[in-house]
Each structure stands twice: as C-alpha cells, then as structure tokens.
Amino acid sequence: MIVQQRIIDKLNTALSPEYLQVENESHNHNVPAGSESHFKVTLVAPAFEGKRLIQRHRLVNQTLADELANDIHALALHTYTAAEWQSKFGQVPESPKCMGGEKR
C-alpha cells in the first residue's frame, strides 16, 4: 500500500479535500497480486471551485506527476466541488459528537 498512501498524502497536502477516497483497482486487471498500478480517486475539494473538469484533472495529475511517471498505469478521476457532490450524492454524514465515554 505504498503507492496508495503516497497518493492520499499528496492529495491531502496539495488540495485539502473535504472528501477523498483512493481505491486500488489493480486486482481488476491482469497484473500480479499485490500490484499498485490502477487507481480510482474520488475527490471533493475547494480548489475545484470555478474550474472546468480538464483543469481539475490537470491539478490532480500535476500533484501526482511522479507517481504517474513511475508507478501508476491507470488513474480514474472523479472530481467535484462541494455543491456538485452534495447535489449528486448528498453529504457525507458527520460522526456523532463524543459523549465522554467512560467519563460519564
């Protein structure tokens, strides 16, 4: 999970996403077991506001330039603004507030 974690780390640092999911889809392809070469990224980020789809993809590709040049064979990108995400999928629910656990 080295490549997958690098993708997560770089996207978190560069784009401060509101939502990020990175899926290793390599097992769906004709590659050796344990490969990290095919990924799907779903990303909701403020940086996408006012940007066309190609501009969003370029931003992600620039962020992952080293991985695309050396490790990633295929990268599926699903990039959204917060408003687009909410209108298509609803909002990711927040976890409930902590009630104090054992301190009660």
C-alpha atoms as a PDB file:
ATOM      1  CA  MET A   1       0.000   0.000   0.000  1.00  0.00           C
ATOM      2  CA  ILE A   2       2.963   2.302  -0.508  1.00  0.00           C
ATOM      3  CA  VAL A   3       1.760   3.958  -3.744  1.00  0.00           C
ATOM      4  CA  GLN A   4      -1.821   4.289  -2.487  1.00  0.00           C
ATOM      5  CA  GLN A   5      -0.653   6.013   0.695  1.00  0.00           C
ATOM      6  CA  ARG A   6       1.577   8.405  -1.277  1.00  0.00           C
ATOM      7  CA  ILE A   7      -1.429   9.344  -3.413  1.00  0.00           C
ATOM      8  CA  ILE A   8      -3.512  10.005  -0.303  1.00  0.00           C
ATOM      9  CA  ASP A   9      -0.757  12.027   1.369  1.00  0.00           C
ATOM     10  CA  LYS A  10      -0.006  14.166  -1.684  1.00  0.00           C
ATOM     11  CA  LEU A  11      -3.652  14.932  -2.455  1.00  0.00           C
ATOM     12  CA  ASN A  12      -4.377  15.783   1.178  1.00  0.00           C
ATOM     13  CA  THR A  13      -1.394  18.134   1.312  1.00  0.00           C
ATOM     14  CA  ALA A  14      -1.926  19.824  -2.060  1.00  0.00           C
ATOM     15  CA  LEU A  15      -5.723  20.108  -2.205  1.00  0.00           C
ATOM     16  CA  SER A  16      -7.044  19.899   1.385  1.00  0.00           C
ATOM     17  CA  PRO A  17     -10.043  17.847   0.258  1.00  0.00           C
ATOM     18  CA  GLU A  18     -13.362  17.754   2.040  1.00  0.00           C
ATOM     19  CA  TYR A  19     -13.684  14.153   0.884  1.00  0.00           C
ATOM     20  CA  LEU A  20     -11.055  11.797  -0.531  1.00  0.00           C
ATOM     21  CA  GLN A  21     -11.283   8.144  -1.435  1.00  0.00           C
ATOM     22  CA  VAL A  22      -8.439   6.327  -3.170  1.00  0.00           C
ATOM     23  CA  GLU A  23      -9.208   2.799  -4.331  1.00  0.00           C
ATOM     24  CA  ASN A  24      -6.629   0.356  -5.634  1.00  0.00           C
ATOM     25  CA  GLU A  25      -8.366  -1.330  -8.567  1.00  0.00           C
ATOM     26  CA  SER A  26      -5.314  -3.268  -9.721  1.00  0.00           C
ATOM     27  CA  HIS A  27      -6.919  -6.591  -8.775  1.00  0.00           C
ATOM     28  CA  ASN A  28      -9.440  -5.998 -11.612  1.00  0.00           C
ATOM     29  CA  HIS A  29      -6.639  -6.103 -14.180  1.00  0.00           C
ATOM     30  CA  ASN A  30      -4.101  -8.583 -15.483  1.00  0.00           C
ATOM     31  CA  VAL A  31      -1.317  -7.681 -13.060  1.00  0.00           C
ATOM     32  CA  PRO A  32       0.493  -9.635 -10.322  1.00  0.00           C
ATOM     33  CA  ALA A  33      -1.229  -9.974  -6.949  1.00  0.00           C
ATOM     34  CA  GLY A  34      -0.485  -7.054  -4.651  1.00  0.00           C
ATOM     35  CA  SER A  35       0.131  -4.622  -7.519  1.00  0.00           C
ATOM     36  CA  GLU A  36      -0.470  -0.901  -7.131  1.00  0.00           C
ATOM     37  CA  SER A  37      -0.869   0.286 -10.692  1.00  0.00           C
ATOM     38  CA  HIS A  38      -4.575   1.043 -11.272  1.00  0.00           C
ATOM     39  CA  PHE A  39      -6.407   3.534  -9.036  1.00  0.00           C
ATOM     40  CA  LYS A  40      -9.727   5.319  -8.762  1.00  0.00           C
ATOM     41  CA  VAL A  41      -9.721   8.662  -6.959  1.00  0.00           C
ATOM     42  CA  THR A  42     -12.891  10.393  -5.794  1.00  0.00           C
ATOM     43  CA  LEU A  43     -12.114  13.882  -4.610  1.00  0.00           C
ATOM     44  CA  VAL A  44     -14.158  16.840  -3.345  1.00  0.00           C
ATOM     45  CA  ALA A  45     -12.007  19.933  -2.930  1.00  0.00           C
ATOM     46  CA  PRO A  46     -12.424  23.703  -2.612  1.00  0.00           C
ATOM     47  CA  ALA A  47      -9.631  24.068  -5.196  1.00  0.00           C
ATOM     48  CA  PHE A  48     -12.072  22.827  -7.872  1.00  0.00           C
ATOM     49  CA  GLU A  49     -14.451  25.790  -7.486  1.00  0.00           C
ATOM     50  CA  GLY A  50     -14.765  27.635 -10.808  1.00  0.00           C
ATOM     51  CA  LYS A  51     -12.584  25.098 -12.635  1.00  0.00           C
ATOM     52  CA  ARG A  52     -13.614  23.002 -15.617  1.00  0.00           C
ATOM     53  CA  LEU A  53     -13.198  19.236 -15.472  1.00  0.00           C
ATOM     54  CA  ILE A  54      -9.971  19.261 -17.509  1.00  0.00           C
ATOM     55  CA  GLN A  55      -8.471  21.875 -15.159  1.00  0.00           C
ATOM     56  CA  ARG A  56      -9.352  19.742 -12.130  1.00  0.00           C
ATOM     57  CA  HIS A  57      -7.771  16.674 -13.686  1.00  0.00           C
ATOM     58  CA  ARG A  58      -4.649  18.627 -14.576  1.00  0.00           C
ATOM     59  CA  LEU A  59      -4.367  19.776 -10.963  1.00  0.00           C
ATOM     60  CA  VAL A  60      -4.513  16.172  -9.736  1.00  0.00           C
ATOM     61  CA  ASN A  61      -2.128  14.995 -12.463  1.00  0.00           C
ATOM     62  CA  GLN A  62       0.384  17.698 -11.550  1.00  0.00           C
ATOM     63  CA  THR A  63       0.156  16.710  -7.897  1.00  0.00           C
ATOM     64  CA  LEU A  64       0.770  13.055  -8.769  1.00  0.00           C
ATOM     65  CA  ALA A  65       3.273  13.659 -11.589  1.00  0.00           C
ATOM     66  CA  ASP A  66       5.981  11.431 -10.078  1.00  0.00           C
ATOM     67  CA  GLU A  67       3.578   8.552  -9.422  1.00  0.00           C
ATOM     68  CA  LEU A  68       2.089   8.847 -12.923  1.00  0.00           C
ATOM     69  CA  ALA A  69       5.563   8.763 -14.458  1.00  0.00           C
ATOM     70  CA  ASN A  70       6.794   5.814 -12.414  1.00  0.00           C
ATOM     71  CA  ASP A  71       4.092   3.768 -10.706  1.00  0.00           C
ATOM     72  CA  ILE A  72       0.555   4.376 -11.947  1.00  0.00           C
ATOM     73  CA  HIS A  73      -0.624   2.737 -15.164  1.00  0.00           C
ATOM     74  CA  ALA A  74      -4.247   3.929 -14.957  1.00  0.00           C
ATOM     75  CA  LEU A  75      -5.915   6.642 -12.907  1.00  0.00           C
ATOM     76  CA  ALA A  76      -9.688   7.183 -12.919  1.00  0.00           C
ATOM     77  CA  LEU A  77     -10.591  10.611 -11.559  1.00  0.00           C
ATOM     78  CA  HIS A  78     -13.919  11.719 -10.155  1.00  0.00           C
ATOM     79  CA  THR A  79     -13.513  15.363  -9.109  1.00  0.00           C
ATOM     80  CA  TYR A  80     -16.250  17.502  -7.580  1.00  0.00           C
ATOM     81  CA  THR A  81     -16.921  20.788  -5.872  1.00  0.00           C
ATOM     82  CA  ALA A  82     -18.790  20.532  -2.561  1.00  0.00           C
ATOM     83  CA  ALA A  83     -22.028  21.705  -4.220  1.00  0.00           C
ATOM     84  CA  GLU A  84     -21.724  19.148  -7.036  1.00  0.00           C
ATOM     85  CA  TRP A  85     -21.029  16.365  -4.559  1.00  0.00           C
ATOM     86  CA  GLN A  86     -23.987  17.274  -2.394  1.00  0.00           C
ATOM     87  CA  SER A  87     -26.398  17.556  -5.340  1.00  0.00           C
ATOM     88  CA  LYS A  88     -25.308  14.192  -6.794  1.00  0.00           C
ATOM     89  CA  PHE A  89     -24.655  12.093  -3.727  1.00  0.00           C
ATOM     90  CA  GLY A  90     -25.763  14.026  -0.667  1.00  0.00           C
ATOM     91  CA  GLN A  91     -23.427  14.983   2.087  1.00  0.00           C
ATOM     92  CA  VAL A  92     -21.162  12.547   3.875  1.00  0.00           C
ATOM     93  CA  PRO A  93     -22.670  12.330   7.364  1.00  0.00           C
ATOM     94  CA  GLU A  94     -20.607  13.589  10.263  1.00  0.00           C
ATOM     95  CA  SER A  95     -19.803  11.251  13.128  1.00  0.00           C
ATOM     96  CA  PRO A  96     -21.756  11.930  16.323  1.00  0.00           C
ATOM     97  CA  LYS A  97     -20.125  14.077  18.987  1.00  0.00           C
ATOM     98  CA  CYS A  98     -18.351  12.178  21.756  1.00  0.00           C
ATOM     99  CA  MET A  99     -20.472  11.828  24.882  1.00  0.00           C
ATOM    100  CA  GLY A 100     -17.479  11.340  27.160  1.00  0.00           C
ATOM    101  CA  GLY A 101     -17.186   7.543  27.022  1.00  0.00           C
ATOM    102  CA  GLU A 102     -16.013   6.136  30.350  1.00  0.00           C
ATOM    103  CA  LYS A 103     -16.009   9.580  31.998  1.00  0.00           C
ATOM    104  CA  ARG A 104     -19.842   9.544  32.297  1.00  0.00           C
END
